[in-house]
N, C-alpha and C. Protein backbone atom coordinates (compact mmCIF):
# COMPACT_ATOMS: atom_id res chain seq x y z
N MET A 1 131.85 126.05 119.22
CA MET A 1 131.86 125.17 118.11
C MET A 1 131.11 125.32 117.78
N LYS A 2 130.97 125.45 116.12
CA LYS A 2 129.26 125.76 115.40
C LYS A 2 129.80 124.92 114.48
N LEU A 3 129.04 123.88 114.53
CA LEU A 3 128.70 123.25 112.53
C LEU A 3 127.47 123.47 112.04
N ASP A 4 127.69 123.36 110.82
CA ASP A 4 126.73 124.01 109.78
C ASP A 4 125.68 122.90 109.07
N LYS A 5 126.67 121.92 109.19
CA LYS A 5 126.16 120.38 107.84
C LYS A 5 125.78 119.46 108.95
N ARG A 6 125.30 118.51 109.11
CA ARG A 6 124.67 117.12 109.26
C ARG A 6 125.97 116.49 108.69
N TRP A 7 125.92 114.61 109.54
CA TRP A 7 126.98 113.84 107.96
C TRP A 7 125.77 113.21 107.23
N PRO A 8 126.91 113.18 106.63
CA PRO A 8 126.45 112.49 105.35
C PRO A 8 125.55 111.07 106.04
N PRO A 9 124.21 110.67 104.76
CA PRO A 9 123.93 109.07 105.14
C PRO A 9 124.69 108.38 105.12
N VAL A 10 125.91 107.91 104.65
CA VAL A 10 126.72 106.61 103.72
C VAL A 10 127.46 106.57 105.13
N PRO A 11 128.46 107.62 105.75
CA PRO A 11 129.66 107.41 106.76
C PRO A 11 128.92 107.12 107.92
N ALA A 12 127.23 107.54 107.86
CA ALA A 12 126.58 107.32 109.21
C ALA A 12 126.24 105.79 109.20
N GLY A 13 125.84 105.58 108.66
CA GLY A 13 125.52 104.20 108.31
C GLY A 13 126.53 103.32 108.39
N ILE A 14 127.60 103.31 107.51
CA ILE A 14 128.52 102.66 107.90
C ILE A 14 129.18 102.95 110.14
N LEU A 15 129.50 103.57 110.33
CA LEU A 15 128.22 104.07 111.70
C LEU A 15 128.27 102.91 112.56
N ILE A 16 126.96 103.13 112.26
CA ILE A 16 125.65 102.70 112.78
C ILE A 16 125.81 101.22 112.73
N GLY A 17 125.99 100.49 110.97
CA GLY A 17 127.22 98.90 111.39
C GLY A 17 128.51 98.50 112.53
N VAL A 18 129.14 99.27 112.14
CA VAL A 18 129.93 99.13 113.10
C VAL A 18 129.75 98.85 114.23
N SER A 19 129.09 100.05 115.02
CA SER A 19 128.26 100.24 116.62
C SER A 19 127.48 98.60 116.56
N MET A 20 126.87 98.27 115.87
CA MET A 20 126.29 97.31 115.95
C MET A 20 127.15 95.67 116.70
N LEU A 21 127.51 95.84 115.35
CA LEU A 21 128.96 94.74 114.90
C LEU A 21 130.00 94.77 116.24
N LEU A 22 129.97 95.99 116.85
CA LEU A 22 130.64 95.50 118.34
C LEU A 22 130.03 95.21 118.92
N ALA A 23 128.46 95.91 119.20
CA ALA A 23 127.30 95.49 120.38
C ALA A 23 127.33 93.77 120.65
N TRP A 24 127.39 92.96 119.34
CA TRP A 24 127.96 91.42 119.02
C TRP A 24 128.62 91.07 119.87
N ILE A 25 130.09 91.81 119.04
CA ILE A 25 131.31 90.84 120.04
C ILE A 25 131.06 91.62 121.53
N VAL A 26 131.12 92.74 122.25
CA VAL A 26 131.13 93.10 122.92
C VAL A 26 130.38 91.98 124.61
N ALA A 27 128.79 92.45 123.98
CA ALA A 27 127.94 92.26 124.66
C ALA A 27 127.20 90.82 124.72
N GLY A 28 127.35 90.21 122.62
CA GLY A 28 126.52 88.90 122.63
C GLY A 28 125.00 89.22 122.42
N ARG A 29 124.43 90.86 122.10
CA ARG A 29 123.64 90.62 121.85
C ARG A 29 123.30 91.76 120.82
N GLY A 30 122.31 92.44 119.72
CA GLY A 30 121.92 93.84 118.74
C GLY A 30 121.64 94.82 119.68
N ILE A 31 121.75 96.37 119.26
CA ILE A 31 121.70 97.38 119.81
C ILE A 31 119.48 97.66 119.50
N GLY A 32 118.85 98.48 120.43
CA GLY A 32 117.82 98.57 120.28
C GLY A 32 117.33 99.58 121.76
N ALA A 33 116.04 100.28 121.60
CA ALA A 33 116.00 101.59 122.73
C ALA A 33 115.17 100.40 123.82
N SER A 34 114.02 99.54 123.00
CA SER A 34 112.88 99.58 124.14
C SER A 34 113.12 99.06 125.47
N GLY A 35 114.35 97.61 125.29
CA GLY A 35 114.84 97.02 126.11
C GLY A 35 115.57 98.03 127.45
N GLY A 36 116.30 98.95 127.34
CA GLY A 36 116.24 100.38 128.33
C GLY A 36 115.25 101.01 128.89
N MET A 37 114.60 101.42 128.08
CA MET A 37 113.11 102.36 128.52
C MET A 37 111.65 100.80 129.45
N THR A 38 112.30 99.90 129.23
CA THR A 38 112.42 99.03 130.14
C THR A 38 111.88 98.87 131.41
N ARG A 39 113.69 99.23 131.24
CA ARG A 39 114.28 98.79 132.57
C ARG A 39 114.48 99.76 133.54
N PHE A 40 113.98 100.78 133.03
CA PHE A 40 114.08 102.18 133.58
C PHE A 40 112.74 101.87 133.99
N VAL A 41 111.88 102.29 133.68
CA VAL A 41 110.09 101.79 133.88
C VAL A 41 110.16 100.50 135.75
N ALA A 42 110.96 99.44 135.21
CA ALA A 42 110.69 98.99 136.71
C ALA A 42 111.98 99.29 137.44
N TRP A 43 112.12 100.24 137.31
CA TRP A 43 113.02 100.48 138.30
C TRP A 43 112.80 101.96 138.93
N VAL A 44 111.88 102.55 138.30
CA VAL A 44 110.67 103.30 138.78
C VAL A 44 109.71 103.06 140.05
N GLN A 45 108.71 101.87 139.12
CA GLN A 45 108.05 101.43 139.64
C GLN A 45 108.22 100.21 140.97
N HIS A 46 109.92 99.57 140.93
CA HIS A 46 110.04 98.63 142.07
C HIS A 46 109.63 100.08 143.08
N GLY A 47 110.45 101.31 142.86
CA GLY A 47 110.70 102.19 143.66
C GLY A 47 109.49 102.68 144.70
N LEU A 48 108.30 102.79 143.57
CA LEU A 48 107.07 102.73 143.94
C LEU A 48 106.14 101.73 144.84
N PHE A 49 106.23 100.54 144.10
CA PHE A 49 105.59 99.20 145.04
C PHE A 49 106.63 98.58 145.18
N PRO A 50 107.55 98.24 146.21
CA PRO A 50 109.29 98.10 145.49
C PRO A 50 107.74 95.78 146.20
N ALA A 51 107.29 95.39 146.40
CA ALA A 51 106.65 94.46 146.48
C ALA A 51 105.83 93.47 145.05
N ALA A 52 105.05 94.66 144.91
CA ALA A 52 104.12 94.77 143.58
C ALA A 52 105.25 93.62 142.35
N THR A 53 106.24 93.94 142.54
CA THR A 53 106.68 94.93 140.86
C THR A 53 107.80 93.49 141.39
N VAL A 54 108.63 93.51 142.20
CA VAL A 54 109.16 91.58 142.80
C VAL A 54 108.75 90.65 142.40
N GLU A 55 107.54 90.55 143.02
CA GLU A 55 106.52 89.25 141.87
C GLU A 55 106.06 89.70 141.11
N SER A 56 106.04 90.87 140.04
CA SER A 56 105.17 90.24 138.77
C SER A 56 106.43 89.49 137.72
N ALA A 57 105.28 88.81 137.16
CA ALA A 57 105.85 88.19 136.71
C ALA A 57 106.97 88.49 135.34
N TYR A 58 106.28 90.27 135.26
CA TYR A 58 106.44 90.94 133.72
C TYR A 58 108.23 91.25 134.21
N PHE A 59 108.25 91.89 135.56
CA PHE A 59 109.39 93.02 136.02
C PHE A 59 110.40 92.56 136.97
N GLY A 60 109.51 91.65 137.02
CA GLY A 60 110.39 90.53 138.35
C GLY A 60 111.54 90.47 138.36
N LYS A 61 111.62 89.72 136.84
CA LYS A 61 112.93 89.08 136.17
C LYS A 61 114.23 89.95 136.81
N TYR A 62 114.10 91.78 136.62
CA TYR A 62 114.95 92.26 136.25
C TYR A 62 115.94 92.62 137.98
N PHE A 63 114.66 91.80 139.47
CA PHE A 63 115.94 91.86 140.25
C PHE A 63 115.62 89.94 141.12
N ALA A 64 115.39 89.57 139.33
CA ALA A 64 116.08 88.13 140.34
C ALA A 64 117.50 87.95 140.70
N ASN A 65 117.81 87.22 141.75
CA ASN A 65 119.58 87.06 142.43
C ASN A 65 119.86 88.87 142.40
N ALA A 66 119.04 89.72 143.28
CA ALA A 66 119.40 90.74 143.57
C ALA A 66 119.56 92.18 142.61
N ALA A 67 119.64 91.29 141.65
CA ALA A 67 120.38 92.61 139.71
C ALA A 67 119.80 93.26 140.48
N HIS A 68 120.48 94.52 139.79
CA HIS A 68 119.35 96.15 139.02
C HIS A 68 119.33 96.47 137.52
N PRO A 69 118.04 96.53 137.95
CA PRO A 69 117.38 96.39 136.39
C PRO A 69 118.37 97.39 135.75
N LEU A 70 118.74 98.54 136.69
CA LEU A 70 119.69 99.65 135.15
C LEU A 70 121.29 98.78 134.93
N ASN A 71 121.86 98.13 135.43
CA ASN A 71 122.34 97.41 135.74
C ASN A 71 122.60 96.76 134.11
N ASP A 72 123.28 97.34 133.22
CA ASP A 72 122.48 96.00 131.49
C ASP A 72 122.77 97.33 130.85
N TYR A 73 123.85 96.71 129.79
CA TYR A 73 124.53 97.99 128.55
C TYR A 73 123.00 98.74 127.89
N VAL A 74 122.14 98.06 127.90
CA VAL A 74 120.98 99.02 126.75
C VAL A 74 120.83 99.92 127.46
N VAL A 75 120.90 100.41 128.99
CA VAL A 75 120.23 101.19 129.97
C VAL A 75 121.34 102.83 129.70
N PHE A 76 122.73 102.14 128.57
CA PHE A 76 124.24 102.93 128.58
C PHE A 76 123.83 103.77 127.67
N LEU A 77 123.17 102.38 126.60
CA LEU A 77 122.29 102.82 124.77
C LEU A 77 122.07 103.89 125.39
N LEU A 78 120.95 103.57 125.09
CA LEU A 78 120.24 104.81 125.63
C LEU A 78 120.45 105.90 125.87
N ALA A 79 120.74 106.45 127.76
CA ALA A 79 121.86 107.29 127.85
C ALA A 79 122.33 108.30 126.52
N GLY A 80 123.46 107.39 125.83
CA GLY A 80 124.06 108.04 125.90
C GLY A 80 123.49 108.08 124.17
N LEU A 81 122.01 107.26 123.29
CA LEU A 81 121.73 108.21 123.00
C LEU A 81 121.22 109.29 122.96
N LEU A 82 120.79 110.19 124.41
CA LEU A 82 120.18 110.97 124.27
C LEU A 82 121.06 112.33 124.91
N ILE A 83 121.99 112.16 125.48
CA ILE A 83 123.24 113.18 124.84
C ILE A 83 123.90 113.25 124.29
N GLY A 84 124.01 112.07 123.49
CA GLY A 84 124.82 112.39 121.60
C GLY A 84 123.80 113.38 121.46
N ALA A 85 122.88 113.19 121.63
CA ALA A 85 121.64 113.79 120.41
C ALA A 85 121.36 115.53 121.32
N PHE A 86 121.83 115.24 122.55
CA PHE A 86 121.59 116.50 122.73
C PHE A 86 122.40 117.56 122.57
N VAL A 87 124.13 116.84 122.76
CA VAL A 87 125.16 117.39 122.22
C VAL A 87 125.92 117.64 120.92
N ALA A 88 124.49 117.04 120.16
CA ALA A 88 124.84 117.56 118.21
C ALA A 88 123.70 118.57 118.22
N ALA A 89 123.04 118.78 118.34
CA ALA A 89 121.89 119.44 118.06
C ALA A 89 122.32 120.78 119.15
N TRP A 90 122.85 120.72 120.00
CA TRP A 90 123.99 122.50 120.64
C TRP A 90 124.79 122.40 119.64
N LEU A 91 125.93 121.39 120.10
CA LEU A 91 127.12 121.71 118.15
C LEU A 91 126.14 122.56 117.25
N THR A 92 125.03 121.87 117.09
CA THR A 92 125.32 122.36 115.23
C THR A 92 123.75 123.47 114.98
N GLY A 93 123.61 123.98 116.62
CA GLY A 93 123.03 125.62 116.65
C GLY A 93 121.57 125.17 116.53
N ARG A 94 121.28 123.89 116.58
CA ARG A 94 119.73 122.93 116.25
C ARG A 94 119.29 122.90 117.49
N LEU A 95 119.25 123.43 118.43
CA LEU A 95 118.84 123.05 119.79
C LEU A 95 117.79 123.73 120.48
N ARG A 96 117.10 123.40 120.29
CA ARG A 96 115.98 124.82 120.69
C ARG A 96 114.51 123.38 121.29
N PHE A 97 113.81 124.35 121.79
CA PHE A 97 112.44 124.05 122.74
C PHE A 97 111.84 124.93 121.79
N GLU A 98 110.88 123.57 120.86
CA GLU A 98 109.37 123.29 120.16
C GLU A 98 109.05 122.19 119.94
N VAL A 99 107.48 122.21 118.72
CA VAL A 99 106.32 121.40 118.87
C VAL A 99 106.16 121.55 117.17
N LEU A 100 106.67 121.00 115.74
CA LEU A 100 106.34 121.26 114.61
C LEU A 100 105.62 120.33 114.99
N ARG A 101 104.80 121.17 113.48
CA ARG A 101 102.71 120.52 113.48
C ARG A 101 102.50 121.48 112.41
N GLY A 102 101.58 121.06 112.31
CA GLY A 102 100.96 121.34 110.52
C GLY A 102 100.53 122.04 110.53
N PRO A 103 100.38 123.57 110.00
CA PRO A 103 99.79 124.85 109.72
C PRO A 103 98.07 124.44 110.35
N ARG A 104 97.81 122.99 110.68
CA ARG A 104 95.88 122.84 110.45
C ARG A 104 95.84 122.37 112.54
N SER A 105 96.95 122.23 112.57
CA SER A 105 96.69 121.61 114.22
C SER A 105 98.04 122.74 115.43
N THR A 106 97.06 122.51 116.55
CA THR A 106 97.38 123.38 117.32
C THR A 106 98.48 122.46 118.16
N VAL A 107 99.40 122.93 119.23
CA VAL A 107 100.70 122.80 120.06
C VAL A 107 99.82 121.43 120.78
N ALA A 108 99.06 121.32 120.81
CA ALA A 108 98.67 120.92 122.61
C ALA A 108 97.82 119.46 121.43
N TYR A 109 96.81 119.66 120.28
CA TYR A 109 96.82 118.03 119.40
C TYR A 109 97.64 117.58 118.70
N ARG A 110 98.99 118.09 118.74
CA ARG A 110 100.29 117.60 118.36
C ARG A 110 100.89 116.49 119.00
N ILE A 111 100.76 117.10 120.62
CA ILE A 111 101.80 116.81 121.84
C ILE A 111 100.01 115.70 122.06
N VAL A 112 99.13 115.44 121.80
CA VAL A 112 98.49 114.93 121.76
C VAL A 112 98.44 113.80 121.15
N LEU A 113 98.70 113.70 119.76
CA LEU A 113 99.23 113.11 119.74
C LEU A 113 99.60 111.72 119.18
N ALA A 114 100.93 113.11 119.65
CA ALA A 114 102.55 112.00 119.42
C ALA A 114 102.24 111.28 121.14
N LEU A 115 102.35 111.96 122.23
CA LEU A 115 101.54 111.41 123.49
C LEU A 115 101.08 109.55 123.31
N GLY A 116 100.29 109.69 122.40
CA GLY A 116 99.04 108.63 122.11
C GLY A 116 99.61 107.72 121.29
N GLY A 117 100.57 107.87 120.23
CA GLY A 117 101.30 107.05 119.40
C GLY A 117 102.10 106.81 119.97
N GLY A 118 102.66 107.60 121.08
CA GLY A 118 104.08 106.61 122.00
C GLY A 118 103.36 105.71 122.88
N VAL A 119 102.48 106.06 123.13
CA VAL A 119 102.19 104.86 124.28
C VAL A 119 102.06 103.23 123.28
N ILE A 120 101.12 103.93 122.54
CA ILE A 120 100.92 102.80 121.26
C ILE A 120 102.33 102.19 120.87
N SER A 121 103.16 102.78 120.32
CA SER A 121 104.26 101.91 120.04
C SER A 121 105.11 101.65 121.10
N GLY A 122 105.10 102.21 122.40
CA GLY A 122 105.92 101.74 122.88
C GLY A 122 105.52 99.93 124.00
N PHE A 123 103.97 99.98 124.33
CA PHE A 123 103.29 98.90 124.21
C PHE A 123 103.83 97.86 123.07
N ALA A 124 103.61 98.01 121.50
CA ALA A 124 104.14 97.79 120.44
C ALA A 124 105.46 96.37 120.53
N ALA A 125 105.98 97.57 121.03
CA ALA A 125 107.91 97.24 121.26
C ALA A 125 108.02 96.08 122.27
N ARG A 126 106.78 95.93 123.09
CA ARG A 126 107.27 94.96 123.92
C ARG A 126 106.56 93.71 123.35
N LEU A 127 105.46 94.54 123.47
CA LEU A 127 104.40 92.93 122.71
C LEU A 127 105.39 92.51 121.49
N ALA A 128 105.93 92.39 121.12
CA ALA A 128 106.60 92.52 119.55
C ALA A 128 107.91 92.03 119.88
N ARG A 129 108.78 92.20 121.13
CA ARG A 129 109.63 91.72 122.69
C ARG A 129 110.51 92.36 121.84
N GLY A 130 110.68 93.80 121.04
CA GLY A 130 111.48 94.45 120.98
C GLY A 130 111.11 96.15 120.18
N CYS A 131 111.89 96.69 119.85
CA CYS A 131 111.62 98.27 118.80
C CYS A 131 112.23 98.10 117.64
N THR A 132 111.86 98.95 117.29
CA THR A 132 111.40 99.23 115.88
C THR A 132 112.98 99.06 115.11
N SER A 133 113.36 99.64 115.78
CA SER A 133 115.43 100.03 115.13
C SER A 133 116.05 98.45 115.86
N GLY A 134 116.05 97.53 116.88
CA GLY A 134 116.64 96.48 117.44
C GLY A 134 116.08 95.81 116.07
N HIS A 135 114.68 95.16 115.74
CA HIS A 135 114.33 94.41 114.61
C HIS A 135 114.52 94.95 113.30
N ALA A 136 114.78 96.04 112.96
CA ALA A 136 115.43 96.54 111.95
C ALA A 136 116.90 96.86 111.71
N LEU A 137 117.14 97.01 112.58
CA LEU A 137 118.53 97.08 112.08
C LEU A 137 119.74 96.15 112.30
N VAL A 138 118.88 95.25 113.20
CA VAL A 138 119.97 94.20 114.27
C VAL A 138 118.97 92.76 113.53
N GLY A 139 117.64 92.52 113.61
CA GLY A 139 117.44 91.92 111.96
C GLY A 139 117.48 92.26 110.68
N GLY A 140 117.59 93.12 110.51
CA GLY A 140 117.78 93.09 109.15
C GLY A 140 119.67 92.90 108.76
N ALA A 141 120.27 93.21 110.06
CA ALA A 141 122.12 92.73 109.80
C ALA A 141 121.66 91.31 109.46
N GLU A 142 120.79 90.69 109.93
CA GLU A 142 121.09 89.06 110.09
C GLU A 142 120.69 88.60 108.63
N LEU A 143 119.87 90.03 108.33
CA LEU A 143 118.69 88.89 106.74
C LEU A 143 117.98 88.31 107.24
N SER A 144 117.47 88.45 108.63
CA SER A 144 116.34 88.00 109.39
C SER A 144 114.20 87.68 108.02
N VAL A 145 114.59 87.51 107.34
CA VAL A 145 113.26 87.72 106.46
C VAL A 145 111.94 87.80 107.59
N GLY A 146 111.77 87.97 108.89
CA GLY A 146 110.63 88.51 109.79
C GLY A 146 111.57 89.86 109.63
N ALA A 147 112.35 90.00 110.15
CA ALA A 147 112.90 91.29 110.13
C ALA A 147 113.07 92.36 108.96
N TRP A 148 113.17 91.88 107.98
CA TRP A 148 111.93 92.38 106.00
C TRP A 148 111.04 92.54 106.50
N VAL A 149 110.56 91.75 106.25
CA VAL A 149 108.66 92.03 106.36
C VAL A 149 108.21 92.81 107.65
N PHE A 150 108.90 92.50 108.71
CA PHE A 150 108.23 93.53 109.68
C PHE A 150 108.87 95.00 108.62
N MET A 151 109.62 95.75 108.72
CA MET A 151 110.13 96.92 108.36
C MET A 151 109.18 97.15 106.69
N MET A 152 109.52 96.33 106.16
CA MET A 152 108.28 96.32 104.58
C MET A 152 106.76 96.82 105.43
N CYS A 153 106.72 96.16 107.03
CA CYS A 153 105.04 96.47 106.91
C CYS A 153 104.95 97.29 107.83
N ILE A 154 105.88 98.12 108.42
CA ILE A 154 106.27 99.58 109.15
C ILE A 154 105.81 100.27 107.60
N PHE A 155 106.88 99.79 106.63
CA PHE A 155 106.74 100.93 105.16
C PHE A 155 104.96 101.60 105.11
N ALA A 156 104.43 100.41 105.01
CA ALA A 156 103.05 99.97 104.14
C ALA A 156 102.02 100.74 105.31
N GLY A 157 102.00 100.13 106.75
CA GLY A 157 101.74 100.97 108.04
C GLY A 157 101.30 102.30 107.45
N GLY A 158 102.90 102.77 107.83
CA GLY A 158 103.18 104.69 108.10
C GLY A 158 102.52 105.68 106.65
N TRP A 159 102.25 104.42 105.32
CA TRP A 159 101.74 105.16 104.01
C TRP A 159 100.51 105.28 104.87
N MET A 160 99.97 104.03 104.91
CA MET A 160 98.40 104.45 104.60
C MET A 160 98.03 104.94 105.94
N ALA A 161 98.65 105.01 107.16
CA ALA A 161 98.67 106.26 108.34
C ALA A 161 98.63 107.20 107.92
N ALA A 162 99.46 107.77 106.77
CA ALA A 162 99.73 108.97 106.63
C ALA A 162 98.21 109.83 105.88
N TRP A 163 97.49 108.74 105.08
CA TRP A 163 96.28 109.52 104.40
C TRP A 163 95.39 110.20 105.86
N PHE A 164 94.44 109.44 106.93
CA PHE A 164 94.51 110.31 108.13
C PHE A 164 94.63 111.33 108.38
N VAL A 165 96.34 111.42 108.51
CA VAL A 165 96.47 112.86 109.54
C VAL A 165 97.18 113.88 108.09
N ARG A 166 96.57 113.24 106.96
CA ARG A 166 97.38 114.08 106.47
C ARG A 166 97.22 115.86 106.61
N LYS A 167 95.63 116.27 106.05
CA LYS A 167 95.51 117.63 106.97
C LYS A 167 95.89 118.16 108.06
N GLN A 168 96.85 117.51 108.53
CA GLN A 168 97.26 118.45 109.61
C GLN A 168 98.21 119.17 109.58
N TRP A 169 99.23 118.40 108.34
CA TRP A 169 100.72 119.58 107.59
C TRP A 169 100.43 119.99 106.58
N ILE A 170 99.54 119.81 105.76
CA ILE A 170 99.06 120.36 104.51
C ILE A 170 98.58 121.79 104.74
């Protein structure tokens, strides 16, 4: 089965809103991906360095009272996000391995920039106690002034940073 069009933005936005509401009703928390990644990293680190992980002030809380870090709804949310994206790309015929880049950028340079930006974003998400989707979607839905200011800053920062990488895409 091959679908030839993407979802319209309004129904997709409504579905995101319903998903957020259901997350609050069922789990008592909003949605976001950085918590799932942190739990995955805690699990991997525990496999490599169990004593250091349990004693860690940051990762130790995921193992308190014999808890398992992957036993949390955000882990399943993240897994569902990855599986859903894969299935959606496959069903629409858009599944392919490629590195999108501008005409003046090499594949290696694009990968280095993407990994560097990902590391900075991941660190910032943990420092801010949540990822962009968590702050923007959940905080914005709660009409949190901080979330709205955060999103304005994200867009302003992206607009200002675009000047430095514009030649890679033009």
